[in-house]
Amino acid sequence: MALRDRVRDVVDGRRFQRFVIAVIVVNAITLGCETSTALVGSYGELFDVLDSAALAVFVLELVARLYAHGPRFFRDPWNCFDFAVVGVALLPTAGPLSVVRALRILRALRLVAMVPSMRRVVTALVKSIPGLLSLSGLLVLMLYVGSVVAINLFRTSGDPRFGDLGATVLTLFQITTGDGWSDVMRDLMATRPWAWVFFLVYLLVGSFTMLNLFIAVVCGAMESEAAPSRAGMDDRVLDEVRAQREEVRALREEIRALRFDPVGDRR
């Protein structure tokens, strides 16, 4: 076996993947501890050593994967993501690039690339972006129409939250998120007792319906992402069953040949 194949078997093995995941978790915990002034004062040198060791492991892992997979390494978007995260960590953290030090926590996002279940979720979210963009456009249209209607209904109430289009859009967006909508409604009902009708209709259409549509799009993308893996698993099971049948059929043929040709068997 060539050296490249051996390195590929190591870097793609489960033990190595688990080791890298453990290093990512420890490094993320270390970076979180560095936000505490008391901990840095007591264990600052230890944190620096652990951070440098984790970075060294990430660099060596990346170099090994580049050697093992060659140019095919960059065909996988997740490999490109790992390369970018590690590359940012190698930039100097002094002078004008001192802000890069705060980006070290991006290494924790490598868990997404290392854990298959997380990777599937993120892939499904990316695939759902076109549908989410369409729903976002529908939400913007709903906000605009609702704001125009709300201004015509509540502008004379004296409430500054419905004084102009910008303030009304902001207010309706707040209501869509479910933040303090009942307070806004009760304030308006002091002068507009029927204001609850508008809020009820808007909440039913804007919050409940739109939220469920967003969830449906994401769930649909996740379902389509999981379908190929299930189909591939079913195909592998069917292939194994067919192989077993062929072996059984071959054994039956051999047994029949032995039964009808005993002389040839003794030879």
Protein backbone atom coordinates (compact mmCIF):
# COMPACT_ATOMS: atom_id res chain seq x y z
CA MET A 1 0.00 0.00 0.00
CA ALA A 2 1.36 3.42 -0.97
CA LEU A 3 2.14 6.03 1.67
CA ARG A 4 -0.62 8.30 0.36
CA ASP A 5 -3.18 5.52 0.78
CA ARG A 6 -2.03 4.87 4.33
CA VAL A 7 -2.30 8.56 5.22
CA ARG A 8 -5.77 8.66 3.64
CA ASP A 9 -6.89 5.69 5.72
CA VAL A 10 -5.65 7.41 8.89
CA VAL A 11 -7.17 10.87 8.29
CA ASP A 12 -10.49 9.38 7.15
CA GLY A 13 -10.64 6.91 10.04
CA ARG A 14 -13.10 7.30 12.89
CA ARG A 15 -10.43 7.39 15.59
CA PHE A 16 -8.63 10.29 13.95
CA GLN A 17 -11.91 12.13 13.38
CA ARG A 18 -12.87 11.71 17.04
CA PHE A 19 -9.44 12.95 18.12
CA VAL A 20 -9.82 16.10 16.01
CA ILE A 21 -13.33 16.67 17.37
CA ALA A 22 -11.97 16.39 20.93
CA VAL A 23 -9.24 18.94 20.12
CA ILE A 24 -11.85 21.33 18.66
CA VAL A 25 -14.01 21.05 21.80
CA VAL A 26 -11.05 21.61 24.14
CA ASN A 27 -9.87 24.57 22.07
CA ALA A 28 -13.36 26.11 22.11
CA ILE A 29 -13.53 25.74 25.90
CA THR A 30 -10.07 27.31 26.21
CA LEU A 31 -11.05 30.30 24.08
CA GLY A 32 -14.16 30.74 26.21
CA CYS A 33 -12.09 30.67 29.40
CA GLU A 34 -9.85 33.40 27.98
CA THR A 35 -12.79 35.80 28.20
CA SER A 36 -12.50 35.66 32.01
CA THR A 37 -9.95 38.09 33.42
CA ALA A 38 -9.57 36.04 36.61
CA LEU A 39 -8.88 32.81 34.72
CA VAL A 40 -6.42 34.50 32.37
CA GLY A 41 -4.56 35.94 35.35
CA SER A 42 -4.18 32.48 36.89
CA TYR A 43 -3.87 30.21 33.84
CA GLY A 44 -2.99 32.56 30.99
CA GLU A 45 0.20 30.71 30.05
CA LEU A 46 -1.60 27.35 30.06
CA PHE A 47 -4.30 28.75 27.77
CA ASP A 48 -1.64 30.01 25.34
CA VAL A 49 0.05 26.59 25.29
CA LEU A 50 -3.24 24.79 24.69
CA ASP A 51 -4.19 27.24 21.94
CA SER A 52 -0.84 26.82 20.20
CA ALA A 53 -1.05 23.03 20.51
CA ALA A 54 -4.57 22.98 19.05
CA LEU A 55 -3.47 25.18 16.15
CA ALA A 56 -0.52 22.87 15.49
CA VAL A 57 -2.86 19.85 15.42
CA PHE A 58 -5.19 21.63 12.98
CA VAL A 59 -2.33 22.57 10.67
CA LEU A 60 -0.88 19.06 10.68
CA GLU A 61 -4.33 17.58 10.08
CA LEU A 62 -4.91 19.93 7.15
CA VAL A 63 -1.52 19.15 5.64
CA ALA A 64 -2.16 15.41 5.99
CA ARG A 65 -5.57 15.69 4.32
CA LEU A 66 -4.11 17.77 1.50
CA TYR A 67 -1.43 15.15 0.93
CA ALA A 68 -3.89 12.26 1.17
CA HIS A 69 -6.54 13.65 -1.21
CA GLY A 70 -4.46 15.88 -3.45
CA PRO A 71 -6.34 18.35 -5.69
CA ARG A 72 -9.61 16.56 -4.89
CA PHE A 73 -9.38 18.11 -1.42
CA PHE A 74 -10.74 21.43 -2.70
CA ARG A 75 -13.72 19.82 -4.46
CA ASP A 76 -15.45 19.42 -1.11
CA PRO A 77 -16.88 22.74 0.17
CA TRP A 78 -16.39 21.59 3.76
CA ASN A 79 -12.68 21.09 3.14
CA CYS A 80 -12.49 24.62 1.76
CA PHE A 81 -14.22 25.85 4.90
CA ASP A 82 -11.66 24.08 7.11
CA PHE A 83 -8.84 25.50 5.01
CA ALA A 84 -10.20 29.05 5.38
CA VAL A 85 -10.69 28.73 9.16
CA VAL A 86 -7.18 27.37 9.73
CA GLY A 87 -5.73 29.94 7.33
CA VAL A 88 -7.31 32.79 9.31
CA ALA A 89 -5.81 31.35 12.51
CA LEU A 90 -2.33 31.50 10.98
CA LEU A 91 -2.53 35.24 10.31
CA PRO A 92 -0.49 37.47 12.68
CA THR A 93 -2.48 38.86 15.59
CA ALA A 94 -0.43 42.02 16.05
CA GLY A 95 -0.71 45.44 14.45
CA PRO A 96 -3.60 46.16 12.09
CA LEU A 97 -4.58 42.47 12.07
CA SER A 98 -5.12 42.31 15.83
CA VAL A 99 -8.85 41.87 15.23
CA VAL A 100 -8.03 38.44 13.78
CA ARG A 101 -7.41 37.23 17.34
CA ALA A 102 -11.13 37.51 18.02
CA LEU A 103 -11.82 35.24 15.03
CA ARG A 104 -10.05 32.29 16.62
CA ILE A 105 -13.39 31.10 17.98
CA LEU A 106 -14.32 30.29 14.37
CA ARG A 107 -12.34 27.10 14.89
CA ALA A 108 -15.26 25.84 16.96
CA LEU A 109 -17.35 25.93 13.77
CA ARG A 110 -15.18 23.12 12.44
CA LEU A 111 -17.43 20.84 14.48
CA VAL A 112 -20.04 21.41 11.79
CA ALA A 113 -17.66 20.04 9.16
CA MET A 114 -16.52 17.12 11.33
CA VAL A 115 -19.88 15.88 12.66
CA PRO A 116 -21.99 14.34 9.84
CA SER A 117 -25.35 15.12 11.48
CA MET A 118 -24.47 18.81 11.83
CA ARG A 119 -23.15 18.85 8.29
CA ARG A 120 -26.44 17.50 6.95
CA VAL A 121 -28.42 20.15 8.83
CA VAL A 122 -26.28 23.01 7.48
CA THR A 123 -26.41 21.56 3.95
CA ALA A 124 -30.19 21.41 4.19
CA LEU A 125 -30.31 25.03 5.36
CA VAL A 126 -28.17 26.12 2.42
CA LYS A 127 -30.40 24.23 -0.01
CA SER A 128 -33.48 25.88 1.49
CA ILE A 129 -32.14 29.41 0.82
CA PRO A 130 -34.03 29.87 -2.50
CA GLY A 131 -37.33 28.99 -0.84
CA LEU A 132 -36.53 31.16 2.16
CA LEU A 133 -35.74 34.09 -0.12
CA SER A 134 -39.15 33.77 -1.75
CA LEU A 135 -40.83 33.65 1.66
CA SER A 136 -38.75 36.63 2.79
CA GLY A 137 -40.01 38.60 -0.20
CA LEU A 138 -43.56 37.62 0.71
CA LEU A 139 -42.93 38.72 4.30
CA VAL A 140 -41.60 42.11 3.13
CA LEU A 141 -44.65 42.56 0.93
CA MET A 142 -46.91 41.66 3.85
CA LEU A 143 -45.10 44.14 6.10
CA TYR A 144 -45.48 46.90 3.51
CA VAL A 145 -49.18 46.26 2.91
CA GLY A 146 -49.87 45.91 6.63
CA SER A 147 -47.97 49.12 7.40
CA VAL A 148 -49.94 51.13 4.87
CA VAL A 149 -53.19 49.76 6.29
CA ALA A 150 -52.06 50.42 9.89
CA ILE A 151 -51.09 54.03 9.12
CA ASN A 152 -54.50 54.72 7.61
CA LEU A 153 -56.20 53.15 10.62
CA PHE A 154 -54.12 54.41 13.55
CA ARG A 155 -52.29 57.56 12.46
CA THR A 156 -54.91 59.84 14.04
CA SER A 157 -54.59 58.01 17.36
CA GLY A 158 -51.48 60.02 18.20
CA ASP A 159 -49.34 56.92 18.76
CA PRO A 160 -45.83 57.70 17.42
CA ARG A 161 -45.32 54.01 16.56
CA PHE A 162 -47.78 54.54 13.69
CA GLY A 163 -46.78 58.09 12.77
CA ASP A 164 -45.00 57.32 9.48
CA LEU A 165 -44.16 54.40 7.22
CA GLY A 166 -40.74 53.68 8.74
CA ALA A 167 -41.98 53.60 12.33
CA THR A 168 -44.99 51.49 11.35
CA VAL A 169 -42.86 48.92 9.50
CA LEU A 170 -40.61 48.66 12.56
CA THR A 171 -43.61 48.25 14.84
CA LEU A 172 -45.20 45.54 12.69
CA PHE A 173 -41.88 43.71 12.43
CA GLN A 174 -41.70 43.75 16.23
CA ILE A 175 -45.26 42.37 16.35
CA THR A 176 -44.31 39.65 13.84
CA THR A 177 -41.58 38.44 16.20
CA GLY A 178 -44.13 38.33 19.04
CA ASP A 179 -42.30 40.97 21.08
CA GLY A 180 -44.71 43.14 23.11
CA TRP A 181 -47.55 43.01 20.59
CA SER A 182 -50.18 42.87 23.36
CA ASP A 183 -48.88 46.13 24.88
CA VAL A 184 -49.12 47.88 21.51
CA MET A 185 -52.63 46.54 20.97
CA ARG A 186 -53.88 47.60 24.42
CA ASP A 187 -52.41 51.09 24.01
CA LEU A 188 -54.32 51.51 20.76
CA MET A 189 -57.52 50.01 22.17
CA ALA A 190 -57.70 52.95 24.58
CA THR A 191 -58.69 55.12 21.61
CA ARG A 192 -59.53 52.45 19.00
CA PRO A 193 -61.52 49.67 20.75
CA TRP A 194 -61.70 47.66 17.53
CA ALA A 195 -57.88 47.64 17.05
CA TRP A 196 -57.75 44.02 18.22
CA VAL A 197 -59.31 42.95 14.91
CA PHE A 198 -56.33 44.25 12.93
CA PHE A 199 -53.81 42.68 15.31
CA LEU A 200 -55.63 39.35 15.31
CA VAL A 201 -55.68 39.16 11.51
CA TYR A 202 -52.08 40.32 11.19
CA LEU A 203 -50.80 37.85 13.78
CA LEU A 204 -52.66 34.94 12.18
CA VAL A 205 -51.31 35.76 8.72
CA GLY A 206 -47.95 37.27 9.58
CA SER A 207 -46.71 35.32 12.56
CA PHE A 208 -48.33 31.91 12.61
CA THR A 209 -48.71 31.29 8.87
CA MET A 210 -45.36 32.74 7.79
CA LEU A 211 -43.47 31.05 10.61
CA ASN A 212 -44.97 27.69 9.71
CA LEU A 213 -44.09 28.25 6.05
CA PHE A 214 -40.46 28.95 6.97
CA ILE A 215 -40.36 25.80 9.07
CA ALA A 216 -41.98 23.79 6.26
CA VAL A 217 -39.37 24.94 3.73
CA VAL A 218 -36.48 24.04 6.05
CA CYS A 219 -38.01 20.66 6.94
CA GLY A 220 -38.57 19.91 3.27
CA ALA A 221 -34.93 20.67 2.51
CA MET A 222 -33.79 18.46 5.39
CA GLU A 223 -36.04 15.65 4.19
CA SER A 224 -34.63 15.86 0.66
CA GLU A 225 -31.10 15.89 2.11
CA ALA A 226 -31.75 12.76 4.14
CA ALA A 227 -33.50 10.91 1.27
CA PRO A 228 -30.34 10.19 -0.80
CA SER A 229 -28.54 8.71 2.20
CA ARG A 230 -31.51 6.43 2.93
CA ALA A 231 -31.76 5.49 -0.73
CA GLY A 232 -28.05 4.70 -0.82
CA MET A 233 -28.42 2.54 2.28
CA ASP A 234 -31.36 0.68 0.72
CA ASP A 235 -29.34 0.08 -2.44
CA ARG A 236 -26.45 -1.35 -0.44
CA VAL A 237 -28.82 -3.68 1.42
CA LEU A 238 -30.35 -4.87 -1.86
CA ASP A 239 -26.91 -5.46 -3.35
CA GLU A 240 -25.92 -7.55 -0.33
CA VAL A 241 -29.13 -9.58 -0.59
CA ARG A 242 -28.51 -10.21 -4.30
CA ALA A 243 -24.94 -11.28 -3.57
CA GLN A 244 -26.15 -13.69 -0.89
CA ARG A 245 -28.70 -15.16 -3.31
CA GLU A 246 -26.02 -15.68 -5.94
CA GLU A 247 -23.83 -17.47 -3.40
CA VAL A 248 -26.71 -19.72 -2.33
CA ARG A 249 -27.55 -20.47 -5.98
CA ALA A 250 -23.90 -21.35 -6.67
CA LEU A 251 -23.79 -23.67 -3.65
CA ARG A 252 -26.95 -25.42 -4.83
CA GLU A 253 -25.45 -25.99 -8.27
CA GLU A 254 -22.30 -27.47 -6.72
CA ILE A 255 -24.37 -29.80 -4.50
CA ARG A 256 -26.39 -30.98 -7.50
CA ALA A 257 -23.22 -31.61 -9.49
CA LEU A 258 -21.79 -33.70 -6.65
CA ARG A 259 -24.97 -35.76 -6.39
CA PHE A 260 -25.13 -36.67 -10.09
CA ASP A 261 -21.37 -37.12 -10.67
CA PRO A 262 -20.01 -39.20 -7.77
CA VAL A 263 -17.21 -40.68 -9.93
CA GLY A 264 -15.96 -37.25 -10.90
CA ASP A 265 -16.05 -36.33 -7.24
CA ARG A 266 -13.77 -39.25 -6.30
CA ARG A 267 -11.35 -38.25 -9.03
